[in-house]
Amino acid sequence: MSQRTTLQTLTALVLLRAGPQDLPFSTGLMGAAIAATAVINVPIIQRFTPDTSALLQISLLVVYNLAFLGVVLWLTGRGPRFIQSATALFGADAVISLVGLPVLMLIGRPDEASALGALAFLGLLVWNIAVVSHIFRATLEWATPLSLGLTLAYIFGGSAFVRMAAGL
């Protein structure tokens, strides 16, 4: 699959028109998706939590996300879907973060945010939840309410884990 086709597939994924099964099975692509989301999120993390290492936070989140996905796939007997699912989750995060980067950089820290900035942040969060739920639904072949519950555990559990492990 060419770079252009992969980017088109990731775009379709965040628009809920494609699933993780539409991405190639490639550990290299998975690594690139992880690296892309890490690089894109560094300025956001530095802006919102300047007192803690962005690299530490990203590393913790990558470990949590990969472990969470691995355990869920293992428990459901869908382990072979790991590479494509991880690529989809990290690739989608990279795309959504890239779209949200200007918004998040403009609104500032949460305690400084305007109503419009807070609304924009809420919109990005809802979009992210919808996309992750879409990925889990396709990966696990679950009904929407189940994939939504898993998505909330994945997103908010990851945030709680990073905050706890990084001492935030």
Protein backbone atom coordinates (compact mmCIF):
# COMPACT_ATOMS: atom_id res chain seq x y z
CA MET A 1 0.00 0.00 0.00
CA SER A 2 1.48 3.37 -0.98
CA GLN A 3 1.91 6.26 1.46
CA ARG A 4 -0.88 8.13 -0.28
CA THR A 5 -3.25 5.18 -0.02
CA THR A 6 -2.37 4.71 3.67
CA LEU A 7 -3.07 8.39 4.38
CA GLN A 8 -6.35 8.13 2.49
CA THR A 9 -7.30 5.08 4.55
CA LEU A 10 -6.43 6.87 7.81
CA THR A 11 -8.51 9.84 6.69
CA ALA A 12 -11.42 7.51 5.90
CA LEU A 13 -10.91 5.86 9.29
CA VAL A 14 -11.27 9.13 11.23
CA LEU A 15 -14.34 9.92 9.12
CA LEU A 16 -15.78 6.51 10.16
CA ARG A 17 -15.73 5.25 6.56
CA ALA A 18 -12.99 2.63 6.94
CA GLY A 19 -11.90 0.21 9.62
CA PRO A 20 -8.64 -1.19 10.93
CA GLN A 21 -9.01 -4.14 8.56
CA ASP A 22 -8.49 -1.70 5.67
CA LEU A 23 -4.94 -0.94 6.81
CA PRO A 24 -2.05 -3.20 5.82
CA PHE A 25 -0.59 -5.66 8.32
CA SER A 26 2.75 -3.94 8.84
CA THR A 27 4.82 -3.58 11.99
CA GLY A 28 6.72 -0.78 10.25
CA LEU A 29 3.50 1.14 9.65
CA MET A 30 2.44 0.53 13.25
CA GLY A 31 5.78 1.94 14.43
CA ALA A 32 5.40 4.94 12.13
CA ALA A 33 1.90 5.60 13.49
CA ILE A 34 3.20 5.46 17.06
CA ALA A 35 6.08 7.80 16.19
CA ALA A 36 3.76 10.22 14.37
CA THR A 37 1.32 10.47 17.25
CA ALA A 38 4.22 10.95 19.67
CA VAL A 39 5.80 13.76 17.65
CA ILE A 40 2.49 15.54 17.04
CA ASN A 41 1.49 15.36 20.71
CA VAL A 42 4.78 16.67 22.18
CA PRO A 43 3.84 20.37 21.84
CA ILE A 44 0.38 19.72 23.27
CA ILE A 45 1.78 17.89 26.29
CA GLN A 46 4.45 20.56 26.81
CA ARG A 47 1.79 23.26 26.78
CA PHE A 48 -0.69 21.56 29.08
CA THR A 49 1.70 19.86 31.54
CA PRO A 50 5.00 21.78 31.29
CA ASP A 51 6.30 20.48 34.63
CA THR A 52 6.49 16.85 33.49
CA SER A 53 8.53 15.30 30.69
CA ALA A 54 6.53 14.98 27.48
CA LEU A 55 8.64 11.96 26.52
CA LEU A 56 7.77 10.24 29.81
CA GLN A 57 4.05 10.91 29.34
CA ILE A 58 4.07 9.71 25.73
CA SER A 59 6.05 6.59 26.63
CA LEU A 60 3.63 5.73 29.44
CA LEU A 61 0.63 6.27 27.18
CA VAL A 62 2.10 4.11 24.40
CA VAL A 63 2.79 1.30 26.87
CA TYR A 64 -0.70 1.57 28.36
CA ASN A 65 -2.45 1.67 24.98
CA LEU A 66 -0.52 -1.28 23.57
CA ALA A 67 -1.00 -3.33 26.75
CA PHE A 68 -4.72 -2.48 26.94
CA LEU A 69 -5.25 -3.46 23.31
CA GLY A 70 -3.16 -6.62 23.67
CA VAL A 71 -5.05 -7.81 26.75
CA VAL A 72 -8.46 -7.11 25.21
CA LEU A 73 -7.56 -8.93 22.00
CA TRP A 74 -6.06 -11.85 23.91
CA LEU A 75 -9.14 -12.15 26.18
CA THR A 76 -11.45 -12.15 23.15
CA GLY A 77 -9.33 -14.53 21.07
CA ARG A 78 -8.54 -11.91 18.44
CA GLY A 79 -4.80 -11.58 18.99
CA PRO A 80 -3.94 -11.69 15.26
CA ARG A 81 -5.72 -8.33 14.85
CA PHE A 82 -3.20 -6.55 17.08
CA ILE A 83 -0.97 -4.93 14.43
CA GLN A 84 -3.78 -3.48 12.31
CA SER A 85 -5.77 -2.38 15.37
CA ALA A 86 -2.77 -0.68 16.98
CA THR A 87 -1.94 0.99 13.66
CA ALA A 88 -5.53 2.23 13.42
CA LEU A 89 -5.62 3.54 17.01
CA PHE A 90 -2.28 5.37 16.82
CA GLY A 91 -2.80 6.52 13.22
CA ALA A 92 -6.23 7.93 14.05
CA ASP A 93 -4.79 9.64 17.12
CA ALA A 94 -2.11 11.23 14.95
CA VAL A 95 -4.68 12.56 12.46
CA ILE A 96 -7.06 13.87 15.15
CA SER A 97 -4.15 15.41 17.09
CA LEU A 98 -2.84 17.08 13.93
CA VAL A 99 -6.28 18.58 13.25
CA GLY A 100 -6.63 19.61 16.89
CA LEU A 101 -3.10 20.95 17.36
CA PRO A 102 -3.90 24.54 16.30
CA VAL A 103 -7.06 24.57 18.41
CA LEU A 104 -5.34 23.21 21.50
CA MET A 105 -2.38 25.57 21.11
CA LEU A 106 -4.72 28.56 20.81
CA ILE A 107 -6.98 27.80 23.76
CA GLY A 108 -4.14 27.45 26.23
CA ARG A 109 -4.27 25.61 29.53
CA PRO A 110 -7.70 24.39 30.66
CA ASP A 111 -7.87 27.00 33.44
CA GLU A 112 -7.22 29.74 30.83
CA ALA A 113 -9.61 28.43 28.16
CA SER A 114 -12.43 30.48 26.74
CA ALA A 115 -15.90 29.06 26.24
CA LEU A 116 -15.22 28.70 22.51
CA GLY A 117 -11.92 26.96 23.18
CA ALA A 118 -13.54 24.60 25.67
CA LEU A 119 -16.26 23.80 23.13
CA ALA A 120 -13.62 23.08 20.48
CA PHE A 121 -11.78 20.80 22.92
CA LEU A 122 -15.04 19.00 23.73
CA GLY A 123 -15.68 18.52 20.00
CA LEU A 124 -12.23 16.96 19.54
CA LEU A 125 -12.82 14.66 22.52
CA VAL A 126 -16.20 13.49 21.21
CA TRP A 127 -14.67 12.91 17.75
CA ASN A 128 -11.84 10.89 19.30
CA ILE A 129 -14.30 8.79 21.32
CA ALA A 130 -16.38 8.11 18.20
CA VAL A 131 -13.33 7.04 16.18
CA VAL A 132 -11.84 4.80 18.89
CA SER A 133 -15.25 3.20 19.46
CA HIS A 134 -15.53 2.63 15.70
CA ILE A 135 -12.12 0.92 15.70
CA PHE A 136 -12.97 -1.30 18.68
CA ARG A 137 -16.37 -2.18 17.21
CA ALA A 138 -14.75 -3.30 13.95
CA THR A 139 -11.85 -5.08 15.65
CA LEU A 140 -13.90 -6.97 18.22
CA GLU A 141 -17.15 -7.27 16.26
CA TRP A 142 -19.04 -5.90 19.25
CA ALA A 143 -22.22 -3.85 19.46
CA THR A 144 -21.81 -0.09 19.77
CA PRO A 145 -22.67 0.18 23.50
CA LEU A 146 -19.98 -2.38 24.38
CA SER A 147 -17.34 -0.76 22.17
CA LEU A 148 -18.25 2.65 23.60
CA GLY A 149 -17.78 1.39 27.16
CA LEU A 150 -14.43 -0.13 26.22
CA THR A 151 -13.45 3.12 24.52
CA LEU A 152 -14.16 5.16 27.64
CA ALA A 153 -12.06 2.74 29.71
CA TYR A 154 -9.26 2.96 27.12
CA ILE A 155 -9.19 6.76 26.88
CA PHE A 156 -9.86 7.76 30.48
CA GLY A 157 -7.95 4.78 31.89
CA GLY A 158 -4.92 5.82 29.84
CA SER A 159 -5.15 9.36 31.13
CA ALA A 160 -5.48 8.18 34.74
CA PHE A 161 -2.58 5.74 34.33
CA VAL A 162 -0.26 8.43 32.94
CA ARG A 163 -1.23 10.90 35.66
CA MET A 164 -0.66 8.31 38.38
CA ALA A 165 2.60 6.92 36.96
CA ALA A 166 4.04 10.36 36.17
CA GLY A 167 2.97 11.78 39.53
CA LEU A 168 0.70 14.46 38.06
